[in-house]
Amino acid sequence: MRRVIRHGDVNLVPVSLAAFQQAAARGQRVAHQGTVVLARGEATGSVHELSVAEPDQLELVQDGDTLWLRLTSVGTLTHTSDHATLTDIPPVTYRQVPERELNHFANSVVRRVVD
């Protein structure tokens, strides 16, 4: 079974190639030069960035609020300041799922995590 890649408030959930292809049919291809910022801290300005050795090793599709990623080679996930670098992101297809938190004191409101 493929594992979820977690890096701070970035979660990359493995998905099937068919799911990626369906998203690609609906969404917009995202141009890049081998790197993509997956999250930017609203308060701190820090970034989580995924990179590959060659631009053709990463395919990106934006479908609504969801970013879909297809890696054909190992990727590297870095952070500006306080998260360890992950140098072994497996070459599979992912969907980025934003980190959420549940506020039990505000009628169990679910909200996105903000750095």
C-alpha atoms as a PDB file:
ATOM      1  CA  MET A   1       0.000   0.000   0.000  1.00  0.00           C
ATOM      2  CA  ARG A   2       1.255   3.494  -0.823  1.00  0.00           C
ATOM      3  CA  ARG A   3       1.772   5.871   2.068  1.00  0.00           C
ATOM      4  CA  VAL A   4       0.462   9.382   2.573  1.00  0.00           C
ATOM      5  CA  ILE A   5       3.302  11.915   2.448  1.00  0.00           C
ATOM      6  CA  ARG A   6       2.941  14.440   5.262  1.00  0.00           C
ATOM      7  CA  HIS A   7       5.114  17.543   5.508  1.00  0.00           C
ATOM      8  CA  GLY A   8       3.813  20.062   8.029  1.00  0.00           C
ATOM      9  CA  ASP A   9       0.368  21.079   6.793  1.00  0.00           C
ATOM     10  CA  VAL A  10       0.914  19.500   3.340  1.00  0.00           C
ATOM     11  CA  ASN A  11      -0.602  16.064   2.759  1.00  0.00           C
ATOM     12  CA  LEU A  12       0.011  14.186  -0.482  1.00  0.00           C
ATOM     13  CA  VAL A  13      -2.450  11.316  -0.785  1.00  0.00           C
ATOM     14  CA  PRO A  14      -1.668   8.591  -3.342  1.00  0.00           C
ATOM     15  CA  VAL A  15      -4.379   8.140  -5.979  1.00  0.00           C
ATOM     16  CA  SER A  16      -4.838   5.982  -9.046  1.00  0.00           C
ATOM     17  CA  LEU A  17      -3.624   7.057 -12.453  1.00  0.00           C
ATOM     18  CA  ALA A  18      -7.254   6.861 -13.640  1.00  0.00           C
ATOM     19  CA  ALA A  19      -8.306   9.429 -10.995  1.00  0.00           C
ATOM     20  CA  PHE A  20      -5.487  11.728 -12.142  1.00  0.00           C
ATOM     21  CA  GLN A  21      -6.537  11.345 -15.776  1.00  0.00           C
ATOM     22  CA  GLN A  22     -10.151  12.220 -14.908  1.00  0.00           C
ATOM     23  CA  ALA A  23      -8.970  15.338 -13.062  1.00  0.00           C
ATOM     24  CA  ALA A  24      -6.760  16.247 -16.035  1.00  0.00           C
ATOM     25  CA  ALA A  25      -9.779  16.026 -18.363  1.00  0.00           C
ATOM     26  CA  ARG A  26     -11.719  18.483 -16.136  1.00  0.00           C
ATOM     27  CA  GLY A  27      -8.945  20.724 -14.812  1.00  0.00           C
ATOM     28  CA  GLN A  28      -6.125  22.916 -16.056  1.00  0.00           C
ATOM     29  CA  ARG A  29      -2.523  21.828 -16.577  1.00  0.00           C
ATOM     30  CA  VAL A  30      -0.108  23.840 -14.434  1.00  0.00           C
ATOM     31  CA  ALA A  31       3.133  24.997 -16.063  1.00  0.00           C
ATOM     32  CA  HIS A  32       6.326  24.671 -13.998  1.00  0.00           C
ATOM     33  CA  GLN A  33      10.101  24.460 -14.317  1.00  0.00           C
ATOM     34  CA  GLY A  34      10.545  21.389 -12.102  1.00  0.00           C
ATOM     35  CA  THR A  35       9.366  22.969  -8.848  1.00  0.00           C
ATOM     36  CA  VAL A  36       5.980  23.850  -7.398  1.00  0.00           C
ATOM     37  CA  VAL A  37       5.008  25.627  -4.174  1.00  0.00           C
ATOM     38  CA  LEU A  38       2.458  23.355  -2.473  1.00  0.00           C
ATOM     39  CA  ALA A  39       1.696  25.656   0.461  1.00  0.00           C
ATOM     40  CA  ARG A  40       2.607  29.119   1.635  1.00  0.00           C
ATOM     41  CA  GLY A  41       2.304  30.180   5.274  1.00  0.00           C
ATOM     42  CA  GLU A  42      -0.118  33.093   5.517  1.00  0.00           C
ATOM     43  CA  ALA A  43       1.468  34.426   8.695  1.00  0.00           C
ATOM     44  CA  THR A  44       5.110  33.450   8.200  1.00  0.00           C
ATOM     45  CA  GLY A  45       5.556  33.497   4.423  1.00  0.00           C
ATOM     46  CA  SER A  46       7.294  30.117   4.595  1.00  0.00           C
ATOM     47  CA  VAL A  47       6.788  27.680   1.726  1.00  0.00           C
ATOM     48  CA  HIS A  48       6.599  23.938   1.126  1.00  0.00           C
ATOM     49  CA  GLU A  49       8.137  23.254  -2.282  1.00  0.00           C
ATOM     50  CA  LEU A  50       8.237  20.041  -4.309  1.00  0.00           C
ATOM     51  CA  SER A  51      11.007  19.647  -6.879  1.00  0.00           C
ATOM     52  CA  VAL A  52      12.212  17.077  -9.390  1.00  0.00           C
ATOM     53  CA  ALA A  53      15.461  16.835 -11.356  1.00  0.00           C
ATOM     54  CA  GLU A  54      13.809  17.477 -14.761  1.00  0.00           C
ATOM     55  CA  PRO A  55      10.525  19.338 -15.447  1.00  0.00           C
ATOM     56  CA  ASP A  56       9.091  16.444 -17.490  1.00  0.00           C
ATOM     57  CA  GLN A  57       9.216  14.236 -14.348  1.00  0.00           C
ATOM     58  CA  LEU A  58       6.304  16.157 -12.790  1.00  0.00           C
ATOM     59  CA  GLU A  59       2.835  16.704 -14.186  1.00  0.00           C
ATOM     60  CA  LEU A  60       0.468  19.094 -12.380  1.00  0.00           C
ATOM     61  CA  VAL A  61      -3.271  19.593 -12.778  1.00  0.00           C
ATOM     62  CA  GLN A  62      -5.436  22.102 -10.902  1.00  0.00           C
ATOM     63  CA  ASP A  63      -9.051  20.899 -10.661  1.00  0.00           C
ATOM     64  CA  GLY A  64     -11.064  23.351  -8.582  1.00  0.00           C
ATOM     65  CA  ASP A  65      -9.406  23.582  -5.173  1.00  0.00           C
ATOM     66  CA  THR A  66      -7.476  20.342  -5.662  1.00  0.00           C
ATOM     67  CA  LEU A  67      -3.933  20.047  -6.989  1.00  0.00           C
ATOM     68  CA  TRP A  68      -3.129  16.702  -8.621  1.00  0.00           C
ATOM     69  CA  LEU A  69       0.514  15.649  -9.057  1.00  0.00           C
ATOM     70  CA  ARG A  70       2.033  12.874 -11.137  1.00  0.00           C
ATOM     71  CA  LEU A  71       5.666  12.111 -10.378  1.00  0.00           C
ATOM     72  CA  THR A  72       7.604   9.887 -12.787  1.00  0.00           C
ATOM     73  CA  SER A  73      10.824  10.166 -10.765  1.00  0.00           C
ATOM     74  CA  VAL A  74      11.683  10.632  -7.088  1.00  0.00           C
ATOM     75  CA  GLY A  75      10.872  14.115  -5.791  1.00  0.00           C
ATOM     76  CA  THR A  76      12.191  16.314  -2.980  1.00  0.00           C
ATOM     77  CA  LEU A  77       9.975  18.252  -0.574  1.00  0.00           C
ATOM     78  CA  THR A  78      11.554  21.210   1.229  1.00  0.00           C
ATOM     79  CA  HIS A  79      10.388  23.888   3.654  1.00  0.00           C
ATOM     80  CA  THR A  80      11.707  27.369   4.184  1.00  0.00           C
ATOM     81  CA  SER A  81      12.496  26.952   7.854  1.00  0.00           C
ATOM     82  CA  ASP A  82      11.246  24.350  10.293  1.00  0.00           C
ATOM     83  CA  HIS A  83      10.460  21.041   8.555  1.00  0.00           C
ATOM     84  CA  ALA A  84      13.007  18.421   7.543  1.00  0.00           C
ATOM     85  CA  THR A  85      13.686  17.961   3.831  1.00  0.00           C
ATOM     86  CA  LEU A  86      12.154  14.799   2.374  1.00  0.00           C
ATOM     87  CA  THR A  87      14.360  13.528  -0.446  1.00  0.00           C
ATOM     88  CA  ASP A  88      12.517  10.321  -1.239  1.00  0.00           C
ATOM     89  CA  ILE A  89       9.023  11.222  -2.440  1.00  0.00           C
ATOM     90  CA  PRO A  90       8.058   8.096  -4.429  1.00  0.00           C
ATOM     91  CA  PRO A  91       7.180   8.457  -8.118  1.00  0.00           C
ATOM     92  CA  VAL A  92       3.412   7.892  -7.989  1.00  0.00           C
ATOM     93  CA  THR A  93       0.294   9.997  -8.517  1.00  0.00           C
ATOM     94  CA  TYR A  94      -0.971  12.194  -5.661  1.00  0.00           C
ATOM     95  CA  ARG A  95      -3.778  14.531  -4.710  1.00  0.00           C
ATOM     96  CA  GLN A  96      -2.905  17.359  -2.330  1.00  0.00           C
ATOM     97  CA  VAL A  97      -5.231  17.502   0.660  1.00  0.00           C
ATOM     98  CA  PRO A  98      -4.968  20.612   2.880  1.00  0.00           C
ATOM     99  CA  GLU A  99      -4.479  20.115   6.607  1.00  0.00           C
ATOM    100  CA  ARG A 100      -7.658  20.732   8.579  1.00  0.00           C
ATOM    101  CA  GLU A 101      -8.407  21.065  12.256  1.00  0.00           C
ATOM    102  CA  LEU A 102     -11.547  20.627  14.314  1.00  0.00           C
ATOM    103  CA  ASN A 103     -12.435  23.360  16.808  1.00  0.00           C
ATOM    104  CA  HIS A 104     -14.368  21.622  19.590  1.00  0.00           C
ATOM    105  CA  PHE A 105     -15.108  24.936  21.290  1.00  0.00           C
ATOM    106  CA  ALA A 106     -16.831  26.478  18.250  1.00  0.00           C
ATOM    107  CA  ASN A 107     -19.531  23.877  17.536  1.00  0.00           C
ATOM    108  CA  SER A 108     -16.963  21.509  15.975  1.00  0.00           C
ATOM    109  CA  VAL A 109     -16.207  23.830  13.065  1.00  0.00           C
ATOM    110  CA  VAL A 110     -13.683  22.366  10.625  1.00  0.00           C
ATOM    111  CA  ARG A 111     -11.196  24.879   9.261  1.00  0.00           C
ATOM    112  CA  ARG A 112      -8.000  24.918   7.231  1.00  0.00           C
ATOM    113  CA  VAL A 113      -4.749  25.157   9.151  1.00  0.00           C
ATOM    114  CA  VAL A 114      -2.953  28.490   8.747  1.00  0.00           C
ATOM    115  CA  ASP A 115       0.801  28.837   9.413  1.00  0.00           C
END
